[in-house]
C-alpha atoms as a PDB file:
ATOM      1  CA  MET A   1      -1.957  70.332 -22.034  1.00  0.00           C
ATOM      2  CA  GLU A   2      -4.073  71.285 -19.175  1.00  0.00           C
ATOM      3  CA  LEU A   3      -4.248  69.002 -16.053  1.00  0.00           C
ATOM      4  CA  PRO A   4      -5.948  68.885 -13.152  1.00  0.00           C
ATOM      5  CA  LEU A   5      -3.948  70.801  -9.788  1.00  0.00           C
ATOM      6  CA  GLN A   6      -4.455  67.800  -7.452  1.00  0.00           C
ATOM      7  CA  TYR A   7      -1.798  66.354 -10.136  1.00  0.00           C
ATOM      8  CA  ILE A   8       0.136  68.708 -10.266  1.00  0.00           C
ATOM      9  CA  LEU A   9       0.283  69.444  -6.339  1.00  0.00           C
ATOM     10  CA  GLU A  10       1.296  66.204  -6.417  1.00  0.00           C
ATOM     11  CA  VAL A  11       4.180  65.980  -8.554  1.00  0.00           C
ATOM     12  CA  PHE A  12       5.197  69.529  -6.413  1.00  0.00           C
ATOM     13  CA  PHE A  13       5.220  68.322  -3.510  1.00  0.00           C
ATOM     14  CA  GLN A  14       7.048  64.981  -4.815  1.00  0.00           C
ATOM     15  CA  TYR A  15       9.924  65.992  -6.556  1.00  0.00           C
ATOM     16  CA  VAL A  16      10.212  69.555  -5.254  1.00  0.00           C
ATOM     17  CA  GLY A  17      12.548  70.478  -2.036  1.00  0.00           C
ATOM     18  CA  ASN A  18      11.018  71.977   1.276  1.00  0.00           C
ATOM     19  CA  PRO A  19       8.075  72.789  -1.003  1.00  0.00           C
ATOM     20  CA  LYS A  20       5.603  75.745   0.675  1.00  0.00           C
ATOM     21  CA  TYR A  21       2.741  77.491   0.205  1.00  0.00           C
ATOM     22  CA  LYS A  22       2.181  81.503  -0.030  1.00  0.00           C
ATOM     23  CA  SER A  23      -2.240  81.676  -0.082  1.00  0.00           C
ATOM     24  CA  TYR A  24      -2.046  85.616  -0.169  1.00  0.00           C
ATOM     25  CA  ALA A  25      -0.826  85.001  -3.555  1.00  0.00           C
ATOM     26  CA  ASN A  26      -1.675  81.784  -4.464  1.00  0.00           C
ATOM     27  CA  VAL A  27       1.816  80.346  -5.407  1.00  0.00           C
ATOM     28  CA  TYR A  28       3.445  77.277  -4.539  1.00  0.00           C
ATOM     29  CA  TYR A  29       7.253  77.439  -4.520  1.00  0.00           C
ATOM     30  CA  GLY A  30      10.553  75.730  -3.429  1.00  0.00           C
ATOM     31  CA  SER A  31      14.079  74.487  -4.080  1.00  0.00           C
ATOM     32  CA  CYS A  32      14.583  73.557  -8.508  1.00  0.00           C
ATOM     33  CA  PRO A  33      14.742  69.798  -9.115  1.00  0.00           C
ATOM     34  CA  VAL A  34      16.310  70.527 -11.983  1.00  0.00           C
ATOM     35  CA  CYS A  35      18.707  72.795 -11.543  1.00  0.00           C
ATOM     36  CA  ARG A  36      19.023  72.033  -7.984  1.00  0.00           C
ATOM     37  CA  GLU A  37      19.421  75.533  -7.114  1.00  0.00           C
ATOM     38  CA  GLY A  38      22.907  75.171  -8.167  1.00  0.00           C
ATOM     39  CA  LYS A  39      24.895  74.114  -4.655  1.00  0.00           C
ATOM     40  CA  SER A  40      21.825  75.612  -2.751  1.00  0.00           C
ATOM     41  CA  TRP A  41      19.611  72.380  -2.680  1.00  0.00           C
ATOM     42  CA  LEU A  42      17.020  73.294   0.099  1.00  0.00           C
ATOM     43  CA  LYS A  43      18.507  76.756   0.947  1.00  0.00           C
ATOM     44  CA  LYS A  44      17.081  78.428  -1.659  1.00  0.00           C
ATOM     45  CA  LYS A  45      13.665  78.699  -2.844  1.00  0.00           C
ATOM     46  CA  ARG A  46      13.480  80.311  -6.412  1.00  0.00           C
ATOM     47  CA  LEU A  47      11.287  77.995  -8.069  1.00  0.00           C
ATOM     48  CA  SER A  48       7.274  78.694  -8.211  1.00  0.00           C
ATOM     49  CA  PHE A  49       4.058  77.860  -9.336  1.00  0.00           C
ATOM     50  CA  LEU A  50       2.096  80.683 -10.600  1.00  0.00           C
ATOM     51  CA  VAL A  51      -1.948  78.641  -9.972  1.00  0.00           C
ATOM     52  CA  SER A  52      -3.301  82.029 -11.685  1.00  0.00           C
ATOM     53  CA  LYS A  53      -1.651  81.941 -14.897  1.00  0.00           C
ATOM     54  CA  ASN A  54      -0.653  77.714 -14.778  1.00  0.00           C
ATOM     55  CA  PHE A  55       2.763  78.130 -15.286  1.00  0.00           C
ATOM     56  CA  LEU A  56       6.497  77.579 -13.331  1.00  0.00           C
ATOM     57  CA  TYR A  57       9.505  79.730 -13.634  1.00  0.00           C
ATOM     58  CA  CYS A  58      12.473  78.820 -11.687  1.00  0.00           C
ATOM     59  CA  GLN A  59      14.570  82.473 -11.354  1.00  0.00           C
ATOM     60  CA  ASN A  60      18.028  79.973 -10.768  1.00  0.00           C
ATOM     61  CA  CYS A  61      17.479  77.806 -14.184  1.00  0.00           C
ATOM     62  CA  GLN A  62      16.489  81.243 -15.995  1.00  0.00           C
ATOM     63  CA  ARG A  63      13.790  79.267 -17.530  1.00  0.00           C
ATOM     64  CA  GLY A  64       9.635  79.205 -17.525  1.00  0.00           C
ATOM     65  CA  TRP A  65       7.142  75.467 -18.523  1.00  0.00           C
ATOM     66  CA  SER A  66       3.299  75.094 -18.468  1.00  0.00           C
ATOM     67  CA  PRO A  67       2.935  71.949 -15.852  1.00  0.00           C
ATOM     68  CA  PHE A  68       2.749  69.058 -18.674  1.00  0.00           C
ATOM     69  CA  GLU A  69       7.012  69.928 -20.123  1.00  0.00           C
ATOM     70  CA  TRP A  70       8.193  70.526 -16.156  1.00  0.00           C
ATOM     71  CA  ILE A  71       6.131  67.218 -15.128  1.00  0.00           C
ATOM     72  CA  LYS A  72       7.893  65.606 -18.280  1.00  0.00           C
ATOM     73  CA  GLU A  73      11.292  66.748 -17.562  1.00  0.00           C
ATOM     74  CA  VAL A  74      11.443  66.015 -13.737  1.00  0.00           C
ATOM     75  CA  THR A  75       9.463  62.673 -13.443  1.00  0.00           C
ATOM     76  CA  GLY A  76      10.980  61.482 -16.961  1.00  0.00           C
ATOM     77  CA  LYS A  77       7.516  60.306 -17.699  1.00  0.00           C
ATOM     78  CA  ASP A  78       5.893  60.354 -21.370  1.00  0.00           C
ATOM     79  CA  TYR A  79       3.070  61.857 -22.668  1.00  0.00           C
ATOM     80  CA  ASN A  80       0.830  58.918 -22.934  1.00  0.00           C
ATOM     81  CA  THR A  81       1.730  58.070 -18.705  1.00  0.00           C
ATOM     82  CA  ILE A  82       1.432  60.812 -17.257  1.00  0.00           C
ATOM     83  CA  LEU A  83      -2.265  61.464 -19.101  1.00  0.00           C
ATOM     84  CA  GLU A  84      -2.934  58.240 -17.918  1.00  0.00           C
ATOM     85  CA  GLU A  85      -1.910  59.348 -13.962  1.00  0.00           C
ATOM     86  CA  ALA A  86      -3.871  62.015 -14.697  1.00  0.00           C
ATOM     87  CA  LYS A  87      -7.010  61.118 -14.741  1.00  0.00           C
ATOM     88  CA  GLU A  88      -6.785  58.692 -12.577  1.00  0.00           C
ATOM     89  CA  PHE A  89      -5.652  60.792  -9.668  1.00  0.00           C
ATOM     90  CA  ASP A  90      -8.556  61.470  -6.818  1.00  0.00           C
ATOM     91  CA  SER A  91      -6.941  62.950  -4.243  1.00  0.00           C
ATOM     92  CA  SER A  92      -8.405  66.495  -3.307  1.00  0.00           C
ATOM     93  CA  ILE A  93      -6.099  69.638  -3.040  1.00  0.00           C
ATOM     94  CA  GLU A  94      -6.497  69.434   1.053  1.00  0.00           C
ATOM     95  CA  GLU A  95      -5.382  65.791   1.312  1.00  0.00           C
ATOM     96  CA  ILE A  96      -2.354  65.981  -0.641  1.00  0.00           C
ATOM     97  CA  ILE A  97      -1.119  69.025   1.701  1.00  0.00           C
ATOM     98  CA  ASN A  98      -2.347  67.155   5.190  1.00  0.00           C
ATOM     99  CA  ARG A  99       0.156  64.509   3.696  1.00  0.00           C
ATOM    100  CA  HIS A 100       2.975  66.293   2.752  1.00  0.00           C
ATOM    101  CA  LYS A 101       2.251  68.494   5.798  1.00  0.00           C
ATOM    102  CA  LYS A 102       2.773  65.216   8.227  1.00  0.00           C
ATOM    103  CA  GLU A 103       5.548  64.344   6.065  1.00  0.00           C
ATOM    104  CA  GLU A 104       7.006  67.221   7.322  1.00  0.00           C
ATOM    105  CA  VAL A 105       6.386  66.625  11.065  1.00  0.00           C
ATOM    106  CA  ALA A 106       7.419  62.808  10.611  1.00  0.00           C
ATOM    107  CA  LYS A 107      11.088  64.182   9.701  1.00  0.00           C
ATOM    108  CA  LYS A 108      11.523  66.322  12.380  1.00  0.00           C
ATOM    109  CA  PRO A 109      13.212  65.390  15.749  1.00  0.00           C
ATOM    110  CA  ASN A 110      10.369  65.523  18.508  1.00  0.00           C
ATOM    111  CA  THR A 111      11.906  66.253  21.909  1.00  0.00           C
ATOM    112  CA  HIS A 112       8.304  67.380  23.248  1.00  0.00           C
ATOM    113  CA  THR A 113       6.936  65.515  26.412  1.00  0.00           C
ATOM    114  CA  LEU A 114       3.495  65.739  25.552  1.00  0.00           C
ATOM    115  CA  PRO A 115       1.706  66.991  22.537  1.00  0.00           C
ATOM    116  CA  PHE A 116       1.339  70.760  21.998  1.00  0.00           C
ATOM    117  CA  ASP A 117      -0.604  72.676  23.608  1.00  0.00           C
ATOM    118  CA  SER A 118      -1.235  69.729  26.136  1.00  0.00           C
ATOM    119  CA  ILE A 119      -4.397  70.595  28.730  1.00  0.00           C
ATOM    120  CA  ASN A 120      -4.149  67.662  31.833  1.00  0.00           C
ATOM    121  CA  LEU A 121      -7.018  66.312  32.749  1.00  0.00           C
ATOM    122  CA  PHE A 122      -6.659  66.018  35.872  1.00  0.00           C
ATOM    123  CA  ASP A 123      -5.488  69.409  36.701  1.00  0.00           C
ATOM    124  CA  THR A 124      -9.012  71.081  38.347  1.00  0.00           C
ATOM    125  CA  LEU A 125      -7.974  74.450  37.102  1.00  0.00           C
ATOM    126  CA  GLN A 126      -7.542  73.784  33.246  1.00  0.00           C
ATOM    127  CA  VAL A 127     -10.597  71.879  32.849  1.00  0.00           C
ATOM    128  CA  LYS A 128     -12.559  74.075  34.788  1.00  0.00           C
ATOM    129  CA  TYR A 129     -11.201  76.489  32.022  1.00  0.00           C
ATOM    130  CA  HIS A 130     -11.085  75.222  28.946  1.00  0.00           C
ATOM    131  CA  LEU A 131     -14.559  73.472  29.951  1.00  0.00           C
ATOM    132  CA  LYS A 132     -16.741  74.833  26.997  1.00  0.00           C
ATOM    133  CA  GLU A 133     -14.711  72.924  24.533  1.00  0.00           C
ATOM    134  CA  LYS A 134     -16.380  69.752  23.209  1.00  0.00           C
ATOM    135  CA  VAL A 135     -13.474  66.776  23.356  1.00  0.00           C
ATOM    136  CA  VAL A 136     -12.868  68.122  26.433  1.00  0.00           C
ATOM    137  CA  VAL A 137     -15.632  67.121  28.238  1.00  0.00           C
ATOM    138  CA  ASP A 138     -15.767  64.005  25.801  1.00  0.00           C
ATOM    139  CA  CYS A 139     -12.411  63.159  26.407  1.00  0.00           C
ATOM    140  CA  LEU A 140     -13.307  62.869  30.212  1.00  0.00           C
ATOM    141  CA  ARG A 141     -16.961  61.341  29.744  1.00  0.00           C
ATOM    142  CA  TYR A 142     -14.510  58.736  27.752  1.00  0.00           C
ATOM    143  CA  ILE A 143     -12.323  58.726  30.673  1.00  0.00           C
ATOM    144  CA  GLN A 144     -15.423  57.998  33.199  1.00  0.00           C
ATOM    145  CA  ASN A 145     -16.834  55.569  31.176  1.00  0.00           C
ATOM    146  CA  ARG A 146     -14.022  53.196  30.270  1.00  0.00           C
ATOM    147  CA  ARG A 147     -13.355  53.101  34.495  1.00  0.00           C
ATOM    148  CA  LEU A 148     -10.046  54.510  33.749  1.00  0.00           C
ATOM    149  CA  ASP A 149     -10.212  57.283  36.174  1.00  0.00           C
ATOM    150  CA  THR A 150     -10.403  54.340  38.758  1.00  0.00           C
ATOM    151  CA  ALA A 151      -8.442  51.455  37.770  1.00  0.00           C
ATOM    152  CA  ILE A 152      -5.154  50.435  39.303  1.00  0.00           C
ATOM    153  CA  ASN A 153      -2.746  51.347  37.173  1.00  0.00           C
ATOM    154  CA  ARG A 154      -3.886  54.345  35.936  1.00  0.00           C
ATOM    155  CA  PRO A 155      -1.434  56.907  34.962  1.00  0.00           C
ATOM    156  CA  ARG A 156      -1.196  60.414  36.728  1.00  0.00           C
ATOM    157  CA  THR A 157      -2.778  62.244  34.719  1.00  0.00           C
ATOM    158  CA  PHE A 158      -4.463  61.923  31.078  1.00  0.00           C
ATOM    159  CA  TYR A 159      -4.343  64.667  28.427  1.00  0.00           C
ATOM    160  CA  VAL A 160      -5.437  66.164  25.397  1.00  0.00           C
ATOM    161  CA  SER A 161      -4.650  68.703  22.983  1.00  0.00           C
ATOM    162  CA  LEU A 162      -6.498  71.232  21.186  1.00  0.00           C
ATOM    163  CA  LYS A 163      -3.803  71.684  18.669  1.00  0.00           C
ATOM    164  CA  ASP A 164      -1.674  69.349  18.088  1.00  0.00           C
ATOM    165  CA  PHE A 165      -1.364  68.663  14.479  1.00  0.00           C
ATOM    166  CA  VAL A 166      -0.985  65.171  14.494  1.00  0.00           C
ATOM    167  CA  HIS A 167      -2.502  64.283  17.799  1.00  0.00           C
ATOM    168  CA  LYS A 168      -5.512  66.660  18.654  1.00  0.00           C
ATOM    169  CA  ASN A 169      -8.726  66.260  19.547  1.00  0.00           C
ATOM    170  CA  ARG A 170      -7.536  62.357  20.644  1.00  0.00           C
ATOM    171  CA  LEU A 171      -7.034  61.454  24.371  1.00  0.00           C
ATOM    172  CA  VAL A 172      -3.248  61.510  24.979  1.00  0.00           C
ATOM    173  CA  ILE A 173      -1.922  58.487  27.709  1.00  0.00           C
ATOM    174  CA  PRO A 174       1.258  59.183  28.868  1.00  0.00           C
ATOM    175  CA  PHE A 175       4.267  56.143  29.138  1.00  0.00           C
ATOM    176  CA  THR A 176       6.125  57.645  32.522  1.00  0.00           C
ATOM    177  CA  ASN A 177      10.249  55.889  32.847  1.00  0.00           C
ATOM    178  CA  ARG A 178      11.418  54.705  36.112  1.00  0.00           C
ATOM    179  CA  GLU A 179      12.182  57.872  37.407  1.00  0.00           C
ATOM    180  CA  GLY A 180       8.445  59.090  37.425  1.00  0.00           C
ATOM    181  CA  LYS A 181       8.952  61.283  33.754  1.00  0.00           C
ATOM    182  CA  ILE A 182       7.372  61.311  30.659  1.00  0.00           C
ATOM    183  CA  ALA A 183       9.218  59.365  27.920  1.00  0.00           C
ATOM    184  CA  PHE A 184       6.536  58.492  25.297  1.00  0.00           C
ATOM    185  CA  TYR A 185       2.728  58.216  24.586  1.00  0.00           C
ATOM    186  CA  GLN A 186       0.461  56.964  22.671  1.00  0.00           C
ATOM    187  CA  THR A 187      -3.251  58.850  22.040  1.00  0.00           C
ATOM    188  CA  ARG A 188      -6.436  56.782  21.399  1.00  0.00           C
ATOM    189  CA  ALA A 189      -9.178  58.404  19.060  1.00  0.00           C
ATOM    190  CA  ILE A 190     -11.477  59.776  21.337  1.00  0.00           C
ATOM    191  CA  TYR A 191     -14.115  60.134  17.843  1.00  0.00           C
ATOM    192  CA  LYS A 192     -15.236  57.343  15.295  1.00  0.00           C
ATOM    193  CA  GLU A 193     -13.913  59.556  12.535  1.00  0.00           C
ATOM    194  CA  ASP A 194     -10.181  60.019  13.416  1.00  0.00           C
ATOM    195  CA  GLU A 195      -9.936  56.240  14.104  1.00  0.00           C
ATOM    196  CA  GLU A 196      -8.759  56.673  10.923  1.00  0.00           C
ATOM    197  CA  PRO A 197      -5.575  56.225  10.174  1.00  0.00           C
ATOM    198  CA  ALA A 198      -5.202  54.554  13.549  1.00  0.00           C
ATOM    199  CA  LYS A 199      -7.359  54.196  16.526  1.00  0.00           C
ATOM    200  CA  TYR A 200      -4.221  54.464  18.447  1.00  0.00           C
ATOM    201  CA  LEU A 201      -0.829  56.716  16.988  1.00  0.00           C
ATOM    202  CA  SER A 202       2.106  57.250  18.962  1.00  0.00           C
ATOM    203  CA  LYS A 203       4.243  59.663  19.372  1.00  0.00           C
ATOM    204  CA  ILE A 204       6.090  60.512  16.304  1.00  0.00           C
ATOM    205  CA  ASN A 205       9.827  59.743  15.791  1.00  0.00           C
ATOM    206  CA  GLY A 206       9.554  58.928  20.223  1.00  0.00           C
ATOM    207  CA  GLU A 207      11.437  55.655  21.393  1.00  0.00           C
ATOM    208  CA  LYS A 208       9.073  53.541  22.179  1.00  0.00           C
ATOM    209  CA  THR A 209       8.788  52.777  25.983  1.00  0.00           C
ATOM    210  CA  VAL A 210       6.801  50.924  28.419  1.00  0.00           C
ATOM    211  CA  PHE A 211       3.917  51.303  29.986  1.00  0.00           C
ATOM    212  CA  GLY A 212       3.274  50.715  33.460  1.00  0.00           C
ATOM    213  CA  ILE A 213       6.878  50.335  34.157  1.00  0.00           C
ATOM    214  CA  ASP A 214       7.183  53.137  36.914  1.00  0.00           C
ATOM    215  CA  LYS A 215       4.865  51.135  38.954  1.00  0.00           C
ATOM    216  CA  ILE A 216       6.206  47.538  38.745  1.00  0.00           C
ATOM    217  CA  ASP A 217       6.393  45.605  42.639  1.00  0.00           C
ATOM    218  CA  GLU A 218       9.717  44.027  42.379  1.00  0.00           C
ATOM    219  CA  ASN A 219       8.434  40.969  44.535  1.00  0.00           C
ATOM    220  CA  PHE A 220       5.134  40.186  42.557  1.00  0.00           C
ATOM    221  CA  ASP A 221       6.663  37.357  40.910  1.00  0.00           C
ATOM    222  CA  TYR A 222       4.308  38.144  37.868  1.00  0.00           C
ATOM    223  CA  LEU A 223       4.480  40.555  34.832  1.00  0.00           C
ATOM    224  CA  PHE A 224       1.402  40.785  32.605  1.00  0.00           C
ATOM    225  CA  ILE A 225       2.240  42.149  29.281  1.00  0.00           C
ATOM    226  CA  PHE A 226      -0.553  44.025  27.196  1.00  0.00           C
ATOM    227  CA  GLU A 227      -0.855  45.156  23.888  1.00  0.00           C
ATOM    228  CA  GLY A 228      -1.952  48.844  25.050  1.00  0.00           C
ATOM    229  CA  PRO A 229      -2.218  50.763  27.855  1.00  0.00           C
ATOM    230  CA  ILE A 230      -5.821  51.076  28.320  1.00  0.00           C
ATOM    231  CA  ASN A 231      -5.717  47.351  29.222  1.00  0.00           C
ATOM    232  CA  ALA A 232      -2.692  47.673  31.348  1.00  0.00           C
ATOM    233  CA  MET A 233      -4.422  49.944  33.886  1.00  0.00           C
ATOM    234  CA  PHE A 234      -6.639  47.060  35.008  1.00  0.00           C
ATOM    235  CA  ALA A 235      -4.086  44.190  36.420  1.00  0.00           C
ATOM    236  CA  TYR A 236      -1.680  44.697  38.943  1.00  0.00           C
ATOM    237  CA  ASN A 237       2.065  44.823  37.744  1.00  0.00           C
ATOM    238  CA  GLY A 238       0.508  45.494  34.572  1.00  0.00           C
ATOM    239  CA  LEU A 239       2.799  46.951  31.366  1.00  0.00           C
ATOM    240  CA  ALA A 240       1.773  47.976  27.600  1.00  0.00           C
ATOM    241  CA  MET A 241       4.640  47.597  24.633  1.00  0.00           C
ATOM    242  CA  GLY A 242       2.346  48.916  21.988  1.00  0.00           C
ATOM    243  CA  GLY A 243       2.310  45.717  20.053  1.00  0.00           C
ATOM    244  CA  ILE A 244       3.945  42.777  20.402  1.00  0.00           C
ATOM    245  CA  GLN A 245       7.377  43.568  19.049  1.00  0.00           C
ATOM    246  CA  ILE A 246       9.644  44.949  21.981  1.00  0.00           C
ATOM    247  CA  SER A 247      11.764  47.750  20.963  1.00  0.00           C
ATOM    248  CA  GLU A 248      15.010  47.579  21.845  1.00  0.00           C
ATOM    249  CA  LEU A 249      14.665  50.276  24.741  1.00  0.00           C
ATOM    250  CA  GLN A 250      12.005  47.883  25.912  1.00  0.00           C
ATOM    251  CA  ALA A 251      13.754  44.679  26.046  1.00  0.00           C
ATOM    252  CA  LYS A 252      16.423  47.106  27.835  1.00  0.00           C
ATOM    253  CA  GLU A 253      13.816  48.026  30.533  1.00  0.00           C
ATOM    254  CA  LEU A 254      12.546  44.768  30.650  1.00  0.00           C
ATOM    255  CA  GLU A 255      15.882  43.283  31.412  1.00  0.00           C
ATOM    256  CA  VAL A 256      15.898  44.548  35.131  1.00  0.00           C
ATOM    257  CA  PHE A 257      12.990  42.120  35.568  1.00  0.00           C
ATOM    258  CA  ARG A 258      14.247  39.368  34.517  1.00  0.00           C
ATOM    259  CA  PHE A 259      13.405  36.138  36.708  1.00  0.00           C
ATOM    260  CA  HIS A 260      10.037  37.369  37.113  1.00  0.00           C
ATOM    261  CA  LYS A 261       7.346  35.540  34.733  1.00  0.00           C
ATOM    262  CA  LYS A 262       5.947  37.379  32.219  1.00  0.00           C
ATOM    263  CA  ILE A 263       2.260  36.424  30.479  1.00  0.00           C
ATOM    264  CA  TRP A 264       1.214  38.209  27.638  1.00  0.00           C
ATOM    265  CA  VAL A 265      -2.367  39.305  27.931  1.00  0.00           C
ATOM    266  CA  LEU A 266      -4.774  40.420  24.292  1.00  0.00           C
ATOM    267  CA  ASP A 267      -7.627  40.753  23.258  1.00  0.00           C
ATOM    268  CA  ASN A 268     -10.210  37.999  22.947  1.00  0.00           C
ATOM    269  CA  PRO A 269      -9.319  35.801  20.507  1.00  0.00           C
ATOM    270  CA  PHE A 270     -13.073  34.121  19.901  1.00  0.00           C
ATOM    271  CA  VAL A 271     -13.844  37.805  19.077  1.00  0.00           C
ATOM    272  CA  ASP A 272     -11.269  39.623  17.603  1.00  0.00           C
ATOM    273  CA  GLU A 273      -9.662  36.961  14.612  1.00  0.00           C
ATOM    274  CA  PRO A 274      -5.960  39.503  14.659  1.00  0.00           C
ATOM    275  CA  ALA A 275      -5.815  39.531  18.418  1.00  0.00           C
ATOM    276  CA  ARG A 276      -5.920  35.278  17.647  1.00  0.00           C
ATOM    277  CA  GLU A 277      -3.358  36.051  14.928  1.00  0.00           C
ATOM    278  CA  LYS A 278      -0.737  37.630  17.539  1.00  0.00           C
ATOM    279  CA  ILE A 279      -1.641  35.439  20.329  1.00  0.00           C
ATOM    280  CA  GLU A 280      -0.528  32.241  17.883  1.00  0.00           C
ATOM    281  CA  ASN A 281       2.335  34.164  16.438  1.00  0.00           C
ATOM    282  CA  LEU A 282       3.423  34.601  20.168  1.00  0.00           C
ATOM    283  CA  ILE A 283       2.924  30.742  21.346  1.00  0.00           C
ATOM    284  CA  GLU A 284       5.515  30.101  17.848  1.00  0.00           C
ATOM    285  CA  ARG A 285       7.217  32.434  20.531  1.00  0.00           C
ATOM    286  CA  ASN A 286       7.303  30.151  22.883  1.00  0.00           C
ATOM    287  CA  GLU A 287       5.640  32.520  25.070  1.00  0.00           C
ATOM    288  CA  THR A 288       3.357  32.030  28.136  1.00  0.00           C
ATOM    289  CA  VAL A 289      -0.684  33.773  26.605  1.00  0.00           C
ATOM    290  CA  PHE A 290      -3.755  34.220  28.622  1.00  0.00           C
ATOM    291  CA  ILE A 291      -7.228  32.968  27.273  1.00  0.00           C
ATOM    292  CA  MET A 292     -10.388  34.644  27.818  1.00  0.00           C
ATOM    293  CA  PRO A 293     -12.232  31.589  29.063  1.00  0.00           C
ATOM    294  CA  GLN A 294     -15.128  30.280  27.901  1.00  0.00           C
ATOM    295  CA  GLU A 295     -17.664  31.850  29.975  1.00  0.00           C
ATOM    296  CA  PHE A 296     -16.516  35.096  29.598  1.00  0.00           C
ATOM    297  CA  ARG A 297     -15.860  35.095  26.084  1.00  0.00           C
ATOM    298  CA  GLN A 298     -18.873  37.308  25.148  1.00  0.00           C
ATOM    299  CA  TYR A 299     -15.599  40.278  25.808  1.00  0.00           C
ATOM    300  CA  LYS A 300     -13.678  41.423  24.032  1.00  0.00           C
ATOM    301  CA  ASP A 301     -10.591  42.416  26.306  1.00  0.00           C
ATOM    302  CA  ILE A 302      -9.898  43.335  29.696  1.00  0.00           C
ATOM    303  CA  ASN A 303     -11.143  47.215  29.636  1.00  0.00           C
ATOM    304  CA  ASP A 304     -14.371  45.461  28.470  1.00  0.00           C
ATOM    305  CA  LEU A 305     -14.854  42.581  31.517  1.00  0.00           C
ATOM    306  CA  CYS A 306     -13.575  45.661  33.999  1.00  0.00           C
ATOM    307  CA  ILE A 307     -16.367  47.244  33.251  1.00  0.00           C
ATOM    308  CA  ALA A 308     -19.007  45.275  32.877  1.00  0.00           C
ATOM    309  CA  TYR A 309     -18.458  43.840  36.576  1.00  0.00           C
ATOM    310  CA  ASN A 310     -17.586  47.872  37.673  1.00  0.00           C
ATOM    311  CA  ASN A 311     -14.394  46.455  37.988  1.00  0.00           C
ATOM    312  CA  ASN A 312     -11.152  48.877  38.797  1.00  0.00           C
ATOM    313  CA  LYS A 313      -8.681  45.982  38.195  1.00  0.00           C
ATOM    314  CA  VAL A 314      -8.954  42.042  37.012  1.00  0.00           C
ATOM    315  CA  GLY A 315      -7.946  39.633  39.667  1.00  0.00           C
ATOM    316  CA  THR A 316      -4.464  38.037  39.213  1.00  0.00           C
ATOM    317  CA  LYS A 317      -5.558  34.775  40.052  1.00  0.00           C
ATOM    318  CA  PHE A 318      -7.474  34.945  36.977  1.00  0.00           C
ATOM    319  CA  ILE A 319      -4.549  35.781  34.595  1.00  0.00           C
ATOM    320  CA  VAL A 320      -3.075  32.899  35.871  1.00  0.00           C
ATOM    321  CA  GLU A 321      -4.945  30.475  35.823  1.00  0.00           C
ATOM    322  CA  ASN A 322      -5.948  30.670  32.361  1.00  0.00           C
ATOM    323  CA  SER A 323      -2.970  31.295  30.999  1.00  0.00           C
ATOM    324  CA  PHE A 324      -0.821  29.234  29.015  1.00  0.00           C
ATOM    325  CA  LYS A 325       1.882  27.570  26.067  1.00  0.00           C
ATOM    326  CA  GLY A 326       2.940  25.606  23.800  1.00  0.00           C
ATOM    327  CA  MET A 327       0.342  23.091  23.012  1.00  0.00           C
ATOM    328  CA  ASN A 328      -1.731  23.718  25.196  1.00  0.00           C
ATOM    329  CA  ALA A 329      -2.025  26.788  25.113  1.00  0.00           C
ATOM    330  CA  LEU A 330      -2.755  26.360  20.929  1.00  0.00           C
ATOM    331  CA  LEU A 331      -5.684  23.598  22.260  1.00  0.00           C
ATOM    332  CA  ARG A 332      -7.046  26.107  24.270  1.00  0.00           C
ATOM    333  CA  LEU A 333      -7.137  28.516  21.068  1.00  0.00           C
ATOM    334  CA  LYS A 334      -9.327  25.297  19.265  1.00  0.00           C
ATOM    335  CA  ALA A 335     -11.601  24.749  22.314  1.00  0.00           C
END
């Protein structure tokens, strides 16, 4: 029974321990899920899938299988189920391998401050050296077009990686802690095709911290809390959470400012339905929320508003005067 190679590899990567690929021999190998390598699971890799011969063999089991018989044994599925799955399976080999690589990255502890081989986009020498790289030029253009290089609450610099498996060719936005050290980062897609799986990606296996916490003026009564860091760059005492759910570490960081008045500033709910749902969620939590006033409702967010008016910040009075809570906030959402 001949099964599509893509389907065989999908099962192989799912069940084999620490699977690897030898390109020169066209062989996939790893720990055998049948014998569990004796007591050496994930330590020994004695199962091989010989692609050219369409055959699997384990040196520890001293057994060989056709792909169909091996899948039947390791999954416990019957003949018809395997045939149906194989017929409907449509992922490419490249997609399967890339997904596996990302899963492997996600399993490993991430102790790196920034993505692999990051380039400092505010370092003249580094930029000059890499200026032939299209993504470096495009990142610099994006920063300038979005006014990120002049925003009042911008980070000290931005980065881009040309090699990082997850974050390459994306704008890296560092989250600096109160001690001035980079504790977390998010990356923003520069190209449309990189917006899948997400426009923003966070540091894998990193504990989410608060963007802007290093620049807080403790003598100013308000904290303006944004979902994403780019909008937070345009507000004095602007913070970003990377979402509306606050992590344990973020809550601890905010505890220092427990007497400050906190206002959530999300995207314009009149042009962004997901933002409306998030704002309603915050209202239910009895939070104070900013509602974009009628005359500016064509703008998606604070960054768009500042670009339109050539401003490097949005006025704190503007945010405070258009912020509401409870029933008053719900009524403003319907106005």
